[in-house]
Amino acid sequence: KSIFWLNGMTGTGKSTISRTVAQLFKD
């Protein structure tokens, strides 16, 4: 699918994962 939705409550590390995959995809 064209969209991958990662959802979770506050403090579960969603933004940390976003930064990680952004760096991975940039690399």
PDB file of all heavy atoms in Angstrom:
ATOM      1  N   LYS A   1       0.845  -1.202   0.000  1.00  0.00           N
ATOM      2  CA  LYS A   1       0.000   0.000   0.000  1.00  0.00           C
ATOM      3  C   LYS A   1       0.875   1.245   0.000  1.00  0.00           C
ATOM      4  O   LYS A   1       2.019   1.223   0.438  1.00  0.00           O
ATOM      5  CB  LYS A   1      -0.922  -0.012   1.210  1.00  0.00           C
ATOM      6  CG  LYS A   1      -1.905  -1.166   1.140  1.00  0.00           C
ATOM      7  CD  LYS A   1      -2.974  -1.047   2.176  1.00  0.00           C
ATOM      8  CE  LYS A   1      -3.882  -2.250   2.029  1.00  0.00           C
ATOM      9  NZ  LYS A   1      -5.251  -1.976   2.230  1.00  0.00           N
ATOM     10  N   SER A   2       0.296   2.342  -0.461  1.00  0.00           N
ATOM     11  CA  SER A   2       1.082   3.571  -0.600  1.00  0.00           C
ATOM     12  C   SER A   2       1.312   4.286   0.731  1.00  0.00           C
ATOM     13  O   SER A   2       2.222   5.093   0.839  1.00  0.00           O
ATOM     14  CB  SER A   2       0.409   4.525  -1.592  1.00  0.00           C
ATOM     15  OG  SER A   2      -0.910   4.806  -1.189  1.00  0.00           O
ATOM     16  N   ILE A   3       0.497   3.979   1.747  1.00  0.00           N
ATOM     17  CA  ILE A   3       0.661   4.644   3.051  1.00  0.00           C
ATOM     18  C   ILE A   3       0.905   3.609   4.140  1.00  0.00           C
ATOM     19  O   ILE A   3       0.213   2.600   4.216  1.00  0.00           O
ATOM     20  CB  ILE A   3      -0.578   5.488   3.411  1.00  0.00           C
ATOM     21  CG1 ILE A   3      -0.766   6.612   2.395  1.00  0.00           C
ATOM     22  CG2 ILE A   3      -0.446   6.068   4.822  1.00  0.00           C
ATOM     23  CD1 ILE A   3      -1.981   7.490   2.652  1.00  0.00           C
ATOM     24  N   PHE A   4       1.910   3.866   4.966  1.00  0.00           N
ATOM     25  CA  PHE A   4       2.198   3.067   6.160  1.00  0.00           C
ATOM     26  C   PHE A   4       1.891   3.979   7.338  1.00  0.00           C
ATOM     27  O   PHE A   4       2.544   5.014   7.514  1.00  0.00           O
ATOM     28  CB  PHE A   4       3.667   2.652   6.170  1.00  0.00           C
ATOM     29  CG  PHE A   4       4.035   1.666   7.256  1.00  0.00           C
ATOM     30  CD1 PHE A   4       4.442   0.391   6.923  1.00  0.00           C
ATOM     31  CD2 PHE A   4       4.002   2.018   8.600  1.00  0.00           C
ATOM     32  CE1 PHE A   4       4.800  -0.521   7.910  1.00  0.00           C
ATOM     33  CE2 PHE A   4       4.348   1.123   9.588  1.00  0.00           C
ATOM     34  CZ  PHE A   4       4.758  -0.156   9.243  1.00  0.00           C
ATOM     35  N   TRP A   5       0.884   3.607   8.139  1.00  0.00           N
ATOM     36  CA  TRP A   5       0.498   4.427   9.286  1.00  0.00           C
ATOM     37  C   TRP A   5       0.975   3.761  10.563  1.00  0.00           C
ATOM     38  O   TRP A   5       0.515   2.676  10.915  1.00  0.00           O
ATOM     39  CB  TRP A   5      -1.016   4.614   9.323  1.00  0.00           C
ATOM     40  CG  TRP A   5      -1.525   5.405  10.493  1.00  0.00           C
ATOM     41  CD1 TRP A   5      -0.936   6.469  11.089  1.00  0.00           C
ATOM     42  CD2 TRP A   5      -2.750   5.184  11.197  1.00  0.00           C
ATOM     43  NE1 TRP A   5      -1.717   6.939  12.122  1.00  0.00           N
ATOM     44  CE2 TRP A   5      -2.839   6.167  12.208  1.00  0.00           C
ATOM     45  CE3 TRP A   5      -3.786   4.260  11.067  1.00  0.00           C
ATOM     46  CZ2 TRP A   5      -3.902   6.245  13.092  1.00  0.00           C
ATOM     47  CZ3 TRP A   5      -4.852   4.342  11.946  1.00  0.00           C
ATOM     48  CH2 TRP A   5      -4.909   5.330  12.940  1.00  0.00           C
ATOM     49  N   LEU A   6       1.899   4.404  11.254  1.00  0.00           N
ATOM     50  CA  LEU A   6       2.377   3.954  12.557  1.00  0.00           C
ATOM     51  C   LEU A   6       1.683   4.804  13.607  1.00  0.00           C
ATOM     52  O   LEU A   6       1.861   6.020  13.639  1.00  0.00           O
ATOM     53  CB  LEU A   6       3.897   4.115  12.657  1.00  0.00           C
ATOM     54  CG  LEU A   6       4.524   3.746  14.001  1.00  0.00           C
ATOM     55  CD1 LEU A   6       4.363   2.256  14.281  1.00  0.00           C
ATOM     56  CD2 LEU A   6       5.992   4.149  14.031  1.00  0.00           C
ATOM     57  N   ASN A   7       0.856   4.166  14.425  1.00  0.00           N
ATOM     58  CA  ASN A   7       0.148   4.943  15.447  1.00  0.00           C
ATOM     59  C   ASN A   7       0.452   4.383  16.822  1.00  0.00           C
ATOM     60  O   ASN A   7       0.780   3.215  16.981  1.00  0.00           O
ATOM     61  CB  ASN A   7      -1.356   4.970  15.163  1.00  0.00           C
ATOM     62  CG  ASN A   7      -1.998   3.617  15.301  1.00  0.00           C
ATOM     63  OD1 ASN A   7      -2.340   3.204  16.400  1.00  0.00           O
ATOM     64  ND2 ASN A   7      -2.176   2.912  14.188  1.00  0.00           N
ATOM     65  N   GLY A   8       0.360   5.249  17.804  1.00  0.00           N
ATOM     66  CA  GLY A   8       0.603   4.858  19.183  1.00  0.00           C
ATOM     67  C   GLY A   8       0.393   6.047  20.089  1.00  0.00           C
ATOM     68  O   GLY A   8       0.295   7.190  19.637  1.00  0.00           O
ATOM     69  N   MET A   9       0.313   5.779  21.359  1.00  0.00           N
ATOM     70  CA  MET A   9       0.074   6.840  22.327  1.00  0.00           C
ATOM     71  C   MET A   9       1.323   7.713  22.487  1.00  0.00           C
ATOM     72  O   MET A   9       2.411   7.343  22.039  1.00  0.00           O
ATOM     73  CB  MET A   9      -0.336   6.231  23.676  1.00  0.00           C
ATOM     74  CG  MET A   9      -1.625   5.406  23.608  1.00  0.00           C
ATOM     75  SD  MET A   9      -3.001   6.226  22.775  1.00  0.00           S
ATOM     76  CE  MET A   9      -3.368   7.501  23.968  1.00  0.00           C
ATOM     77  N   THR A  10       1.148   8.837  23.148  1.00  0.00           N
ATOM     78  CA  THR A  10       2.251   9.759  23.404  1.00  0.00           C
ATOM     79  C   THR A  10       3.380   9.039  24.144  1.00  0.00           C
ATOM     80  O   THR A  10       3.134   8.279  25.076  1.00  0.00           O
ATOM     81  CB  THR A  10       1.750  10.949  24.251  1.00  0.00           C
ATOM     82  OG1 THR A  10       0.678  11.578  23.545  1.00  0.00           O
ATOM     83  CG2 THR A  10       2.850  11.943  24.512  1.00  0.00           C
ATOM     84  N   GLY A  11       4.602   9.280  23.733  1.00  0.00           N
ATOM     85  CA  GLY A  11       5.760   8.728  24.428  1.00  0.00           C
ATOM     86  C   GLY A  11       6.147   7.318  24.024  1.00  0.00           C
ATOM     87  O   GLY A  11       7.009   6.713  24.650  1.00  0.00           O
ATOM     88  N   THR A  12       5.540   6.787  22.958  1.00  0.00           N
ATOM     89  CA  THR A  12       5.864   5.413  22.545  1.00  0.00           C
ATOM     90  C   THR A  12       7.003   5.353  21.531  1.00  0.00           C
ATOM     91  O   THR A  12       7.342   4.271  21.072  1.00  0.00           O
ATOM     92  CB  THR A  12       4.619   4.702  21.975  1.00  0.00           C
ATOM     93  OG1 THR A  12       4.081   5.475  20.897  1.00  0.00           O
ATOM     94  CG2 THR A  12       3.565   4.502  23.052  1.00  0.00           C
ATOM     95  N   GLY A  13       7.574   6.490  21.173  1.00  0.00           N
ATOM     96  CA  GLY A  13       8.746   6.495  20.308  1.00  0.00           C
ATOM     97  C   GLY A  13       8.463   6.658  18.826  1.00  0.00           C
ATOM     98  O   GLY A  13       9.321   6.369  17.991  1.00  0.00           O
ATOM     99  N   LYS A  14       7.297   7.150  18.469  1.00  0.00           N
ATOM    100  CA  LYS A  14       6.947   7.295  17.048  1.00  0.00           C
ATOM    101  C   LYS A  14       7.896   8.260  16.333  1.00  0.00           C
ATOM    102  O   LYS A  14       8.349   7.981  15.222  1.00  0.00           O
ATOM    103  CB  LYS A  14       5.499   7.778  16.910  1.00  0.00           C
ATOM    104  CG  LYS A  14       4.469   6.811  17.468  1.00  0.00           C
ATOM    105  CD  LYS A  14       3.055   7.332  17.328  1.00  0.00           C
ATOM    106  CE  LYS A  14       2.795   8.658  17.996  1.00  0.00           C
ATOM    107  NZ  LYS A  14       2.934   8.670  19.460  1.00  0.00           N
ATOM    108  N   SER A  15       8.188   9.392  16.947  1.00  0.00           N
ATOM    109  CA  SER A  15       9.068  10.372  16.296  1.00  0.00           C
ATOM    110  C   SER A  15      10.498   9.863  16.202  1.00  0.00           C
ATOM    111  O   SER A  15      11.199  10.133  15.224  1.00  0.00           O
ATOM    112  CB  SER A  15       9.023  11.711  17.037  1.00  0.00           C
ATOM    113  OG  SER A  15       7.746  12.294  16.884  1.00  0.00           O
ATOM    114  N   THR A  16      10.930   9.126  17.195  1.00  0.00           N
ATOM    115  CA  THR A  16      12.263   8.518  17.143  1.00  0.00           C
ATOM    116  C   THR A  16      12.343   7.554  15.962  1.00  0.00           C
ATOM    117  O   THR A  16      13.328   7.552  15.214  1.00  0.00           O
ATOM    118  CB  THR A  16      12.570   7.785  18.470  1.00  0.00           C
ATOM    119  OG1 THR A  16      12.468   8.723  19.543  1.00  0.00           O
ATOM    120  CG2 THR A  16      13.954   7.170  18.457  1.00  0.00           C
ATOM    121  N   ILE A  17      11.309   6.765  15.778  1.00  0.00           N
ATOM    122  CA  ILE A  17      11.264   5.844  14.641  1.00  0.00           C
ATOM    123  C   ILE A  17      11.228   6.634  13.331  1.00  0.00           C
ATOM    124  O   ILE A  17      11.929   6.294  12.374  1.00  0.00           O
ATOM    125  CB  ILE A  17      10.064   4.886  14.765  1.00  0.00           C
ATOM    126  CG1 ILE A  17      10.293   3.935  15.942  1.00  0.00           C
ATOM    127  CG2 ILE A  17       9.840   4.101  13.474  1.00  0.00           C
ATOM    128  CD1 ILE A  17       9.067   3.177  16.388  1.00  0.00           C
ATOM    129  N   SER A  18      10.442   7.710  13.288  1.00  0.00           N
ATOM    130  CA  SER A  18      10.374   8.538  12.079  1.00  0.00           C
ATOM    131  C   SER A  18      11.740   9.089  11.699  1.00  0.00           C
ATOM    132  O   SER A  18      12.125   9.061  10.524  1.00  0.00           O
ATOM    133  CB  SER A  18       9.407   9.705  12.267  1.00  0.00           C
ATOM    134  OG  SER A  18       8.087   9.274  12.308  1.00  0.00           O
ATOM    135  N   ARG A  19      12.464   9.611  12.683  1.00  0.00           N
ATOM    136  CA  ARG A  19      13.797  10.150  12.383  1.00  0.00           C
ATOM    137  C   ARG A  19      14.733   9.047  11.908  1.00  0.00           C
ATOM    138  O   ARG A  19      15.543   9.249  10.996  1.00  0.00           O
ATOM    139  CB  ARG A  19      14.373  10.848  13.621  1.00  0.00           C
ATOM    140  CG  ARG A  19      13.774  12.222  13.873  1.00  0.00           C
ATOM    141  CD  ARG A  19      14.488  12.947  15.002  1.00  0.00           C
ATOM    142  NE  ARG A  19      14.257  12.329  16.297  1.00  0.00           N
ATOM    143  CZ  ARG A  19      13.201  12.571  17.069  1.00  0.00           C
ATOM    144  NH1 ARG A  19      12.284  13.428  16.677  1.00  0.00           N
ATOM    145  NH2 ARG A  19      13.074  11.992  18.237  1.00  0.00           N
ATOM    146  N   THR A  20      14.595   7.865  12.508  1.00  0.00           N
ATOM    147  CA  THR A  20      15.446   6.739  12.125  1.00  0.00           C
ATOM    148  C   THR A  20      15.182   6.312  10.686  1.00  0.00           C
ATOM    149  O   THR A  20      16.120   6.142   9.899  1.00  0.00           O
ATOM    150  CB  THR A  20      15.225   5.545  13.084  1.00  0.00           C
ATOM    151  OG1 THR A  20      15.490   5.993  14.420  1.00  0.00           O
ATOM    152  CG2 THR A  20      16.125   4.377  12.736  1.00  0.00           C
ATOM    153  N   VAL A  21      13.913   6.142  10.332  1.00  0.00           N
ATOM    154  CA  VAL A  21      13.620   5.696   8.968  1.00  0.00           C
ATOM    155  C   VAL A  21      13.902   6.809   7.961  1.00  0.00           C
ATOM    156  O   VAL A  21      14.317   6.532   6.837  1.00  0.00           O
ATOM    157  CB  VAL A  21      12.190   5.130   8.811  1.00  0.00           C
ATOM    158  CG1 VAL A  21      12.006   3.887   9.645  1.00  0.00           C
ATOM    159  CG2 VAL A  21      11.119   6.140   9.100  1.00  0.00           C
ATOM    160  N   ALA A  22      13.714   8.075   8.368  1.00  0.00           N
ATOM    161  CA  ALA A  22      14.053   9.173   7.466  1.00  0.00           C
ATOM    162  C   ALA A  22      15.548   9.139   7.140  1.00  0.00           C
ATOM    163  O   ALA A  22      15.943   9.281   5.968  1.00  0.00           O
ATOM    164  CB  ALA A  22      13.673  10.514   8.086  1.00  0.00           C
ATOM    165  N   GLN A  23      16.383   8.937   8.152  1.00  0.00           N
ATOM    166  CA  GLN A  23      17.824   8.857   7.911  1.00  0.00           C
ATOM    167  C   GLN A  23      18.164   7.637   7.057  1.00  0.00           C
ATOM    168  O   GLN A  23      18.973   7.726   6.130  1.00  0.00           O
ATOM    169  CB  GLN A  23      18.591   8.795   9.238  1.00  0.00           C
ATOM    170  CG  GLN A  23      20.104   8.834   9.067  1.00  0.00           C
ATOM    171  CD  GLN A  23      20.578  10.137   8.456  1.00  0.00           C
ATOM    172  OE1 GLN A  23      20.322  11.209   9.005  1.00  0.00           O
ATOM    173  NE2 GLN A  23      21.262  10.072   7.320  1.00  0.00           N
ATOM    174  N   LEU A  24      17.526   6.512   7.354  1.00  0.00           N
ATOM    175  CA  LEU A  24      17.747   5.287   6.572  1.00  0.00           C
ATOM    176  C   LEU A  24      17.393   5.508   5.107  1.00  0.00           C
ATOM    177  O   LEU A  24      18.174   5.180   4.210  1.00  0.00           O
ATOM    178  CB  LEU A  24      16.896   4.156   7.154  1.00  0.00           C
ATOM    179  CG  LEU A  24      16.841   2.862   6.347  1.00  0.00           C
ATOM    180  CD1 LEU A  24      18.134   2.081   6.505  1.00  0.00           C
ATOM    181  CD2 LEU A  24      15.653   2.021   6.777  1.00  0.00           C
ATOM    182  N   PHE A  25      16.210   6.098   4.856  1.00  0.00           N
ATOM    183  CA  PHE A  25      15.795   6.321   3.468  1.00  0.00           C
ATOM    184  C   PHE A  25      16.651   7.387   2.790  1.00  0.00           C
ATOM    185  O   PHE A  25      16.908   7.313   1.591  1.00  0.00           O
ATOM    186  CB  PHE A  25      14.309   6.692   3.402  1.00  0.00           C
ATOM    187  CG  PHE A  25      13.398   5.560   3.809  1.00  0.00           C
ATOM    188  CD1 PHE A  25      12.251   5.809   4.537  1.00  0.00           C
ATOM    189  CD2 PHE A  25      13.684   4.245   3.471  1.00  0.00           C
ATOM    190  CE1 PHE A  25      11.404   4.774   4.917  1.00  0.00           C
ATOM    191  CE2 PHE A  25      12.855   3.205   3.846  1.00  0.00           C
ATOM    192  CZ  PHE A  25      11.708   3.464   4.568  1.00  0.00           C
ATOM    193  N   LYS A  26      17.109   8.375   3.548  1.00  0.00           N
ATOM    194  CA  LYS A  26      18.017   9.375   2.973  1.00  0.00           C
ATOM    195  C   LYS A  26      19.320   8.696   2.542  1.00  0.00           C
ATOM    196  O   LYS A  26      19.826   8.941   1.440  1.00  0.00           O
ATOM    197  CB  LYS A  26      18.302  10.486   3.979  1.00  0.00           C
ATOM    198  CG  LYS A  26      19.210  11.565   3.425  1.00  0.00           C
ATOM    199  CD  LYS A  26      19.483  12.662   4.433  1.00  0.00           C
ATOM    200  CE  LYS A  26      20.413  13.712   3.841  1.00  0.00           C
ATOM    201  NZ  LYS A  26      20.756  14.752   4.816  1.00  0.00           N
ATOM    202  N   ASP A  27      19.843   7.835   3.397  1.00  0.00           N
ATOM    203  CA  ASP A  27      21.076   7.123   3.069  1.00  0.00           C
ATOM    204  C   ASP A  27      20.911   6.239   1.841  1.00  0.00           C
ATOM    205  O   ASP A  27      21.853   6.054   1.068  1.00  0.00           O
ATOM    206  CB  ASP A  27      21.544   6.269   4.255  1.00  0.00           C
ATOM    207  CG  ASP A  27      21.973   7.111   5.452  1.00  0.00           C
ATOM    208  OD1 ASP A  27      22.180   8.335   5.295  1.00  0.00           O
ATOM    209  OD2 ASP A  27      22.078   6.540   6.567  1.00  0.00           O
TER     210      ASP A  27
END
